[in-house]
Protein backbone atom coordinates (compact mmCIF):
# COMPACT_ATOMS: atom_id res chain seq x y z
CA UNK A 1 0.00 0.00 0.00
CA UNK A 2 1.48 3.39 -0.97
CA UNK A 3 2.57 5.77 1.80
CA UNK A 4 0.50 8.94 2.09
CA UNK A 5 2.20 12.28 2.51
CA UNK A 6 0.49 12.53 5.90
CA UNK A 7 2.25 9.34 7.03
CA UNK A 8 5.84 8.93 8.17
CA UNK A 9 7.77 6.79 5.69
CA UNK A 10 8.25 3.42 7.45
CA UNK A 11 11.74 2.14 8.18
CA UNK A 12 12.47 -1.10 6.24
CA UNK A 13 13.33 -3.96 8.62
CA UNK A 14 14.99 -7.35 8.61
CA UNK A 15 12.42 -10.20 8.71
CA UNK A 16 11.32 -10.89 12.32
CA UNK A 17 11.45 -14.70 12.03
CA UNK A 18 15.04 -14.54 10.81
CA UNK A 19 16.35 -11.70 12.97
CA UNK A 20 15.17 -13.28 16.24
CA UNK A 21 18.01 -15.76 15.75
CA UNK A 22 20.82 -13.59 14.39
CA UNK A 23 22.62 -10.35 15.20
CA UNK A 24 22.07 -8.66 11.81
CA UNK A 25 20.90 -5.06 12.19
CA UNK A 26 17.10 -4.94 12.46
CA UNK A 27 16.51 -1.62 10.69
CA UNK A 28 17.92 -1.82 7.18
CA UNK A 29 17.80 1.91 6.35
CA UNK A 30 16.01 4.13 3.86
CA UNK A 31 16.59 3.84 0.15
CA UNK A 32 17.26 7.12 -1.73
CA UNK A 33 13.60 7.07 -2.85
CA UNK A 34 12.40 6.71 0.76
CA UNK A 35 14.66 9.56 1.88
CA UNK A 36 13.63 11.90 -0.95
CA UNK A 37 9.93 11.28 -0.29
CA UNK A 38 10.29 11.79 3.46
CA UNK A 39 12.45 14.90 3.09
CA UNK A 40 9.75 16.52 0.97
CA UNK A 41 7.34 16.16 3.89
CA UNK A 42 9.36 18.70 5.90
CA UNK A 43 7.61 22.08 6.07
CA UNK A 44 10.94 23.94 6.49
CA UNK A 45 9.36 26.09 9.16
CA UNK A 46 10.80 29.50 9.95
CA UNK A 47 10.17 28.68 13.60
CA UNK A 48 11.86 25.27 13.59
CA UNK A 49 10.87 23.92 17.00
CA UNK A 50 12.53 20.60 16.14
CA UNK A 51 15.97 22.23 16.51
CA UNK A 52 15.22 23.22 20.09
CA UNK A 53 14.02 19.66 20.72
CA UNK A 54 17.43 18.29 19.68
CA UNK A 55 19.98 18.09 22.55
CA UNK A 56 22.82 18.89 20.13
CA UNK A 57 20.81 21.51 18.18
CA UNK A 58 21.22 20.06 14.69
CA UNK A 59 19.92 22.55 12.03
CA UNK A 60 17.29 19.99 11.08
CA UNK A 61 15.40 21.84 8.31
CA UNK A 62 18.71 22.73 6.63
CA UNK A 63 20.02 19.19 6.36
CA UNK A 64 16.62 17.83 5.35
CA UNK A 65 16.30 20.48 2.64
CA UNK A 66 19.70 19.39 1.31
CA UNK A 67 18.44 15.78 1.19
CA UNK A 68 15.33 16.90 -0.71
CA UNK A 69 17.57 18.76 -3.16
CA UNK A 70 19.75 15.70 -3.64
CA UNK A 71 22.83 17.46 -2.24
CA UNK A 72 24.19 14.73 0.01
CA UNK A 73 27.63 16.32 0.63
CA UNK A 74 25.92 19.43 1.96
CA UNK A 75 23.51 17.41 4.08
CA UNK A 76 26.41 15.47 5.60
CA UNK A 77 28.41 18.63 6.23
CA UNK A 78 25.50 20.29 8.05
CA UNK A 79 24.80 17.20 10.11
CA UNK A 80 28.38 16.49 11.18
CA UNK A 81 28.95 20.17 11.90
CA UNK A 82 26.45 19.86 14.75
CA UNK A 83 26.83 16.23 15.83
CA UNK A 84 30.11 14.26 15.84
CA UNK A 85 28.19 10.93 16.02
CA UNK A 86 25.34 11.19 13.46
CA UNK A 87 25.20 7.56 12.30
CA UNK A 88 25.00 6.47 15.95
CA UNK A 89 22.38 9.00 17.03
CA UNK A 90 20.33 8.29 13.90
CA UNK A 91 20.03 4.70 15.17
CA UNK A 92 19.64 4.91 18.95
CA UNK A 93 18.38 8.43 19.73
CA UNK A 94 14.72 8.55 20.92
CA UNK A 95 13.74 11.14 18.31
CA UNK A 96 10.05 10.47 18.95
CA UNK A 97 10.40 12.13 22.38
CA UNK A 98 12.68 14.97 21.27
CA UNK A 99 12.97 16.61 17.84
CA UNK A 100 10.06 14.72 16.25
CA UNK A 101 7.85 15.51 19.24
CA UNK A 102 8.26 19.21 18.37
CA UNK A 103 7.59 18.82 14.62
CA UNK A 104 4.82 21.14 13.40
CA UNK A 105 3.50 18.32 11.19
CA UNK A 106 2.19 16.76 14.40
CA UNK A 107 -0.62 19.30 14.49
CA UNK A 108 -2.40 17.28 11.81
CA UNK A 109 -0.20 14.41 10.63
CA UNK A 110 2.72 12.16 11.58
CA UNK A 111 5.99 13.98 12.27
CA UNK A 112 8.81 14.00 9.74
CA UNK A 113 11.09 10.99 10.29
CA UNK A 114 14.04 13.14 11.34
CA UNK A 115 15.95 10.25 12.90
CA UNK A 116 15.60 8.01 9.85
CA UNK A 117 16.83 10.84 7.61
CA UNK A 118 19.79 11.51 9.93
CA UNK A 119 20.75 7.86 9.66
CA UNK A 120 20.34 7.92 5.87
CA UNK A 121 22.69 10.91 5.47
CA UNK A 122 25.25 9.51 7.92
CA UNK A 123 25.23 6.12 6.21
CA UNK A 124 25.81 7.83 2.85
CA UNK A 125 28.75 9.68 4.41
CA UNK A 126 30.24 6.36 5.57
CA UNK A 127 30.54 5.32 1.91
CA UNK A 128 32.77 8.33 1.18
CA UNK A 129 36.48 8.82 1.94
CA UNK A 130 37.21 10.34 5.34
CA UNK A 131 38.36 13.92 4.76
CA UNK A 132 38.76 15.00 8.41
CA UNK A 133 42.24 16.01 9.53
CA UNK A 134 43.85 17.56 12.62
CA UNK A 135 43.57 21.32 12.99
CA UNK A 136 45.37 22.07 16.25
CA UNK A 137 45.56 25.82 16.74
CA UNK A 138 45.50 26.07 20.54
CA UNK A 139 48.44 25.40 22.84
CA UNK A 140 46.34 23.92 25.67
CA UNK A 141 45.87 20.17 26.02
CA UNK A 142 42.56 18.73 27.23
CA UNK A 143 42.02 15.35 28.90
CA UNK A 144 38.72 13.49 28.57
CA UNK A 145 37.97 10.66 31.00
CA UNK A 146 35.77 8.01 29.42
CA UNK A 147 35.24 7.13 25.75
CA UNK A 148 31.45 6.88 25.91
CA UNK A 149 29.04 9.18 24.05
CA UNK A 150 29.58 12.29 26.20
CA UNK A 151 33.36 11.91 26.17
CA UNK A 152 33.59 11.23 22.44
CA UNK A 153 31.35 14.17 21.55
CA UNK A 154 33.25 16.50 23.88
CA UNK A 155 36.55 15.35 22.37
CA UNK A 156 35.27 15.83 18.83
CA UNK A 157 34.00 19.34 19.55
CA UNK A 158 37.25 20.33 21.26
CA UNK A 159 39.27 18.98 18.31
CA UNK A 160 37.08 21.04 16.00
CA UNK A 161 37.86 24.09 18.14
CA UNK A 162 41.59 23.48 17.67
CA UNK A 163 42.62 21.67 20.86
CA UNK A 164 44.87 18.67 21.35
CA UNK A 165 42.65 16.12 23.09
CA UNK A 166 43.45 12.80 24.75
CA UNK A 167 40.66 10.44 25.80
CA UNK A 168 41.44 7.96 28.58
CA UNK A 169 39.29 4.81 28.55
CA UNK A 170 39.27 2.15 31.29
CA UNK A 171 38.20 -0.73 29.03
CA UNK A 172 40.19 -2.23 26.17
CA UNK A 173 38.10 -0.63 23.40
CA UNK A 174 36.49 2.82 23.13
CA UNK A 175 32.76 3.47 22.93
CA UNK A 176 31.50 2.96 26.47
CA UNK A 177 27.83 2.03 26.49
CA UNK A 178 27.78 2.32 22.68
CA UNK A 179 30.08 -0.71 22.50
CA UNK A 180 29.26 -2.79 25.57
CA UNK A 181 25.63 -1.84 26.25
CA UNK A 182 23.88 -1.77 22.86
CA UNK A 183 23.60 -5.00 20.86
CA UNK A 184 24.93 -5.44 17.33
CA UNK A 185 21.40 -5.71 15.93
CA UNK A 186 20.71 -2.11 17.02
CA UNK A 187 24.15 -0.55 16.60
CA UNK A 188 26.70 -2.46 14.52
CA UNK A 189 30.25 -2.20 15.83
CA UNK A 190 31.39 -1.28 12.31
CA UNK A 191 29.33 1.92 12.53
CA UNK A 192 30.79 2.80 15.93
CA UNK A 193 34.34 2.07 14.74
CA UNK A 194 33.86 4.30 11.69
CA UNK A 195 32.69 7.23 13.80
CA UNK A 196 35.60 6.76 16.21
CA UNK A 197 37.90 6.64 13.18
CA UNK A 198 36.68 10.09 12.12
CA UNK A 199 37.49 11.47 15.57
CA UNK A 200 40.98 9.97 15.37
CA UNK A 201 41.43 11.51 11.91
CA UNK A 202 40.60 14.87 13.53
CA UNK A 203 43.54 14.32 15.87
CA UNK A 204 41.76 12.92 18.94
CA UNK A 205 44.04 10.47 20.75
CA UNK A 206 42.34 7.57 22.56
CA UNK A 207 44.30 5.66 25.20
CA UNK A 208 42.61 2.47 26.47
CA UNK A 209 43.25 0.32 29.54
CA UNK A 210 43.77 3.39 31.75
CA UNK A 211 41.67 3.77 34.90
CA UNK A 212 41.81 7.38 36.00
CA UNK A 213 41.86 7.27 39.78
CA UNK A 214 43.98 4.11 39.78
CA UNK A 215 46.40 3.99 36.81
CA UNK A 216 46.67 7.77 36.87
CA UNK A 217 45.32 10.07 39.59
CA UNK A 218 43.14 12.84 38.19
CA UNK A 219 45.20 15.57 39.86
CA UNK A 220 48.25 14.23 38.00
CA UNK A 221 46.56 15.15 34.72
CA UNK A 222 46.97 18.79 35.74
CA UNK A 223 50.08 18.74 37.91
CA UNK A 224 52.35 16.29 36.09
CA UNK A 225 50.91 15.86 32.59
CA UNK A 226 50.18 19.44 31.62
CA UNK A 227 46.48 19.29 30.83
CA UNK A 228 44.67 22.63 31.05
CA UNK A 229 41.17 21.20 31.62
CA UNK A 230 39.48 17.85 32.16
CA UNK A 231 36.10 16.52 31.08
CA UNK A 232 34.63 13.56 33.00
CA UNK A 233 32.35 11.31 30.97
CA UNK A 234 32.62 8.09 32.96
CA UNK A 235 28.96 7.14 32.66
CA UNK A 236 26.90 5.15 35.12
CA UNK A 237 28.19 1.61 34.91
CA UNK A 238 27.42 0.33 38.41
CA UNK A 239 24.38 -1.97 38.25
CA UNK A 240 21.55 -1.87 40.76
CA UNK A 241 19.94 -4.93 42.31
CA UNK A 242 16.57 -5.59 43.92
CA UNK A 243 17.84 -7.06 47.18
CA UNK A 244 15.57 -10.10 46.91
CA UNK A 245 16.52 -13.62 48.06
CA UNK A 246 18.44 -15.67 45.50
CA UNK A 247 20.09 -12.81 43.61
CA UNK A 248 23.50 -14.42 44.21
CA UNK A 249 22.57 -17.70 42.50
CA UNK A 250 24.38 -18.92 39.41
CA UNK A 251 22.41 -17.82 36.37
CA UNK A 252 21.59 -14.34 37.73
CA UNK A 253 23.30 -11.40 36.05
CA UNK A 254 22.93 -7.67 35.84
CA UNK A 255 22.11 -6.41 32.36
CA UNK A 256 25.51 -4.67 32.44
CA UNK A 257 27.35 -7.95 32.88
CA UNK A 258 25.13 -9.76 30.39
CA UNK A 259 25.51 -7.17 27.62
CA UNK A 260 29.21 -6.54 28.30
CA UNK A 261 30.02 -10.25 28.07
CA UNK A 262 28.10 -10.43 24.83
CA UNK A 263 29.19 -7.18 23.17
CA UNK A 264 32.62 -6.18 24.36
CA UNK A 265 33.97 -9.63 25.19
CA UNK A 266 32.27 -11.61 22.41
CA UNK A 267 30.59 -14.06 24.76
CA UNK A 268 28.07 -15.06 22.12
CA UNK A 269 30.97 -16.59 20.16
CA UNK A 270 31.99 -19.01 22.95
CA UNK A 271 34.00 -21.24 22.75
CA UNK A 272 35.67 -19.34 19.90
CA UNK A 273 36.03 -16.51 22.43
CA UNK A 274 37.10 -17.13 26.02
CA UNK A 275 34.10 -15.54 27.74
CA UNK A 276 31.35 -18.10 28.38
CA UNK A 277 27.70 -17.07 28.50
CA UNK A 278 25.26 -19.57 29.98
CA UNK A 279 21.84 -18.86 28.51
CA UNK A 280 19.26 -21.50 29.33
CA UNK A 281 16.00 -22.32 27.61
CA UNK A 282 14.03 -19.72 29.58
CA UNK A 283 15.31 -16.23 30.46
CA UNK A 284 13.52 -13.60 32.56
CA UNK A 285 14.62 -9.97 32.29
CA UNK A 286 13.44 -7.71 35.10
CA UNK A 287 12.69 -4.16 33.92
CA UNK A 288 11.10 -2.50 30.90
CA UNK A 289 13.54 0.14 29.71
CA UNK A 290 15.70 0.10 26.58
CA UNK A 291 18.39 -1.93 28.35
CA UNK A 292 15.82 -4.55 29.34
CA UNK A 293 14.64 -4.76 25.71
CA UNK A 294 18.22 -5.17 24.53
CA UNK A 295 18.83 -7.96 27.03
CA UNK A 296 15.62 -9.89 26.38
CA UNK A 297 15.96 -9.68 22.59
CA UNK A 298 19.60 -10.75 22.86
CA UNK A 299 18.52 -13.76 24.93
CA UNK A 300 16.46 -15.07 22.02
CA UNK A 301 19.39 -14.59 19.67
CA UNK A 302 21.65 -16.49 22.08
CA UNK A 303 19.39 -19.52 21.94
CA UNK A 304 16.68 -19.06 24.57
CA UNK A 305 13.40 -20.73 23.63
CA UNK A 306 11.37 -18.38 25.85
CA UNK A 307 12.32 -14.85 26.88
CA UNK A 308 10.23 -12.86 29.35
CA UNK A 309 10.01 -9.23 30.40
CA UNK A 310 8.91 -9.08 34.04
CA UNK A 311 7.74 -5.61 35.05
CA UNK A 312 5.72 -4.53 38.05
CA UNK A 313 3.88 -1.80 36.17
CA UNK A 314 1.96 -1.86 32.90
CA UNK A 315 2.88 -1.36 29.25
CA UNK A 316 1.88 2.31 29.62
CA UNK A 317 4.63 2.98 32.18
CA UNK A 318 7.52 1.21 30.42
CA UNK A 319 10.60 3.28 29.64
CA UNK A 320 11.57 1.55 26.39
CA UNK A 321 11.20 3.11 22.97
CA UNK A 322 7.98 2.09 21.24
CA UNK A 323 9.96 0.93 18.19
CA UNK A 324 12.05 -1.46 20.30
CA UNK A 325 8.91 -2.74 22.04
CA UNK A 326 7.22 -3.49 18.72
CA UNK A 327 10.34 -5.23 17.44
CA UNK A 328 10.45 -7.34 20.61
CA UNK A 329 6.81 -8.39 20.17
CA UNK A 330 7.48 -9.38 16.54
CA UNK A 331 10.45 -11.46 17.66
CA UNK A 332 8.43 -13.42 20.22
CA UNK A 333 9.27 -11.83 23.57
CA UNK A 334 6.69 -12.70 26.27
CA UNK A 335 5.67 -9.65 28.34
CA UNK A 336 4.55 -10.24 31.93
CA UNK A 337 3.11 -6.87 32.93
CA UNK A 338 1.99 -6.06 36.48
CA UNK A 339 4.31 -8.76 37.80
CA UNK A 340 6.71 -8.12 40.68
CA UNK A 341 9.68 -10.47 41.36
CA UNK A 342 9.90 -11.62 44.99
CA UNK A 343 12.61 -14.28 44.98
CA UNK A 344 14.96 -16.16 42.66
CA UNK A 345 14.35 -19.85 43.25
CA UNK A 346 17.29 -22.23 43.87
CA UNK A 347 17.31 -25.61 42.10
CA UNK A 348 19.12 -27.13 45.08
CA UNK A 349 22.54 -26.94 43.44
CA UNK A 350 23.08 -23.18 43.48
CA UNK A 351 21.51 -22.52 40.08
CA UNK A 352 18.35 -20.68 39.10
CA UNK A 353 15.23 -22.78 38.60
CA UNK A 354 12.53 -20.14 38.73
CA UNK A 355 11.41 -16.64 39.63
CA UNK A 356 8.81 -16.29 42.35
CA UNK A 357 6.51 -13.38 41.47
CA UNK A 358 3.38 -11.62 42.64
CA UNK A 359 0.70 -10.02 40.50
CA UNK A 360 0.18 -6.28 40.94
CA UNK A 361 -2.47 -3.64 40.31
CA UNK A 362 -1.91 0.08 39.74
CA UNK A 363 -2.84 2.76 42.24
CA UNK A 364 -2.27 6.50 42.46
CA UNK A 365 0.89 8.07 40.99
CA UNK A 366 4.05 7.94 43.13
CA UNK A 367 6.98 10.38 43.34
CA UNK A 368 8.08 9.38 39.81
CA UNK A 369 4.69 10.44 38.41
CA UNK A 370 3.90 6.86 37.38
CA UNK A 371 1.08 4.77 38.81
CA UNK A 372 2.12 3.06 42.04
CA UNK A 373 2.13 -0.77 41.82
CA UNK A 374 0.15 -2.44 44.63
CA UNK A 375 0.48 -6.16 45.46
CA UNK A 376 -2.53 -8.44 44.98
CA UNK A 377 -2.76 -10.71 48.00
CA UNK A 378 -2.62 -14.43 47.27
CA UNK A 379 -1.42 -13.99 43.69
CA UNK A 380 2.09 -15.41 44.11
CA UNK A 381 3.36 -17.87 41.51
CA UNK A 382 6.67 -19.25 40.23
CA UNK A 383 7.79 -18.58 36.65
CA UNK A 384 10.14 -21.43 35.61
CA UNK A 385 13.35 -19.89 34.24
CA UNK A 386 17.02 -20.79 33.91
CA UNK A 387 18.42 -17.25 33.90
CA UNK A 388 17.45 -13.93 35.47
CA UNK A 389 18.82 -10.64 34.13
CA UNK A 390 18.28 -7.47 36.16
CA UNK A 391 17.82 -4.31 34.11
CA UNK A 392 16.54 -1.93 36.76
CA UNK A 393 19.01 0.93 36.41
CA UNK A 394 22.60 1.91 37.07
CA UNK A 395 24.55 4.46 39.11
CA UNK A 396 28.01 6.03 38.60
CA UNK A 397 31.04 4.06 39.76
CA UNK A 398 32.44 5.87 42.85
CA UNK A 399 36.11 5.09 42.07
CA UNK A 400 36.99 8.49 40.61
CA UNK A 401 35.24 10.55 43.28
CA UNK A 402 36.77 8.45 46.07
CA UNK A 403 40.30 9.01 44.74
CA UNK A 404 39.92 12.70 43.85
CA UNK A 405 39.46 15.41 46.47
CA UNK A 406 37.07 18.29 45.84
CA UNK A 407 34.59 16.56 43.53
CA UNK A 408 31.10 16.97 44.94
CA UNK A 409 28.44 14.29 44.39
CA UNK A 410 24.75 14.13 45.23
CA UNK A 411 23.03 11.49 47.36
CA UNK A 412 22.79 9.18 44.31
CA UNK A 413 26.54 9.32 43.72
CA UNK A 414 26.25 11.50 40.62
CA UNK A 415 28.70 14.35 40.06
CA UNK A 416 27.35 17.79 40.86
CA UNK A 417 27.85 19.92 37.74
CA UNK A 418 26.40 23.11 36.31
CA UNK A 419 23.56 22.20 33.94
CA UNK A 420 24.57 24.61 31.17
CA UNK A 421 28.37 24.25 31.29
CA UNK A 422 29.13 20.99 33.09
CA UNK A 423 31.53 22.76 35.47
CA UNK A 424 32.02 20.67 38.62
CA UNK A 425 33.05 21.79 42.11
CA UNK A 426 36.69 21.50 41.02
CA UNK A 427 38.31 24.23 38.96
CA UNK A 428 38.58 23.52 35.23
CA UNK A 429 37.03 20.08 35.71
CA UNK A 430 33.83 19.56 33.74
CA UNK A 431 31.48 16.60 33.56
CA UNK A 432 28.47 15.40 31.62
CA UNK A 433 26.35 12.43 30.63
CA UNK A 434 25.28 9.63 32.93
CA UNK A 435 28.01 10.46 35.46
CA UNK A 436 25.99 13.61 36.20
CA UNK A 437 22.40 12.66 35.39
CA UNK A 438 22.40 8.97 36.21
CA UNK A 439 21.40 6.51 33.50
CA UNK A 440 19.83 8.43 30.58
CA UNK A 441 20.06 8.46 26.77
CA UNK A 442 22.98 8.61 24.37
CA UNK A 443 21.83 11.88 22.84
CA UNK A 444 21.45 13.63 26.21
CA UNK A 445 25.01 12.56 27.04
CA UNK A 446 26.13 13.85 23.63
CA UNK A 447 24.44 17.19 24.28
CA UNK A 448 26.21 17.50 27.63
CA UNK A 449 29.56 16.74 26.02
CA UNK A 450 28.99 19.37 23.37
CA UNK A 451 27.98 22.05 25.90
CA UNK A 452 31.01 21.30 28.07
CA UNK A 453 33.38 21.53 25.11
CA UNK A 454 32.13 25.05 24.43
CA UNK A 455 32.37 25.92 28.12
CA UNK A 456 35.95 24.63 28.30
CA UNK A 457 36.84 26.70 25.24
CA UNK A 458 35.35 29.83 26.77
CA UNK A 459 37.03 29.21 30.13
CA UNK A 460 40.46 28.77 28.56
CA UNK A 461 40.06 31.85 26.39
CA UNK A 462 39.31 33.87 29.51
CA UNK A 463 42.04 32.28 31.61
CA UNK A 464 44.41 30.33 29.32
CA UNK A 465 47.02 29.78 32.04
CA UNK A 466 44.75 29.64 35.09
CA UNK A 467 46.29 27.77 38.00
CA UNK A 468 44.53 24.64 39.14
């Protein structure tokens, strides 16, 4: 059936029956015909509210107009000028809650598919030779701690502004959550590696296997290594647990461990790789955010015959993107809404045999603004499972703050930083992303990195040799 101009052009996808058992990217991308048709839907408003809805303020009507005109080099130039990671954000950014939510087309029709068009332009750019090159014009050196989205974007913006930038990454490959937290079927590693390659071509140096706070103390970056400013983008990689009986059984993992073993350490290739991943016939994932969707969909691809989402609220309150939810349904994920886990059941040998749960009903909104789940007496039951994966949130790792004096944190362990600049309680130390906000989205972390890069530039122009 032909697409109407009032409708958003659908994203072509890999067949659900096939993709549930492989790691091929689900969304296959627009064709040039799709992109041209969708670009023509843009009203090119004078008051482009979509730009304000974008955390990195991409000039959205400008790049879409270039797509409509068939000028792909111009579209790519506009896009990359505002966002150092366009092919990543075009895939994983929740555009439906940000730029597309502000689209004036929404007054009568579906919004323009801004995210799909961003991906289309960025994927075209990946077919072209990399033309980026170093342009160091400033004498100051900047250190970035963490090679996740906020750190990479901050580094890219600072390189664009003429600074020599070194990114220190604790793990053995850069990318942070982009590499270890998002599965191949949503964000191929080849895409991430290409974007990192562009940053390196711009002169950004990335040093892996360095734990700032242990390998190098943060104060040494200033006092002994000559850095003029530091940006902290260490993310929120410390998993949270429920505190229920049986969480220490074999077969229970945090989503962080599960996805890191699979993504960064190649656990899905065992025994070809040295990191085993035991995935039984039945896997329960606790939570209903994007990480939970990634874990449960990965479970199917790793061989599980049944994969469950267990969530104490309803579908309406889930945090996952609607697109990911629909993909999960198509792939056969079993959703157990209004179900609260009470205990992980031991098989008698230290392994998981089930998940004891209780049915819930929804009451009045709680402090989060979502309906409060209330237990239904006498509704307990055991869901037979072999693995339990907890995807209920993360907090920042306290290592850096414990080994660095003068860095203020809030009661959740997040760094206290100015919202507009990222300046922390320590002079010329800036921070952004999940280390400040707690677990959030890639694009919000990117926006924080971009704002801090500008703030660092302004601070060094005002006080280029300020003492730390």
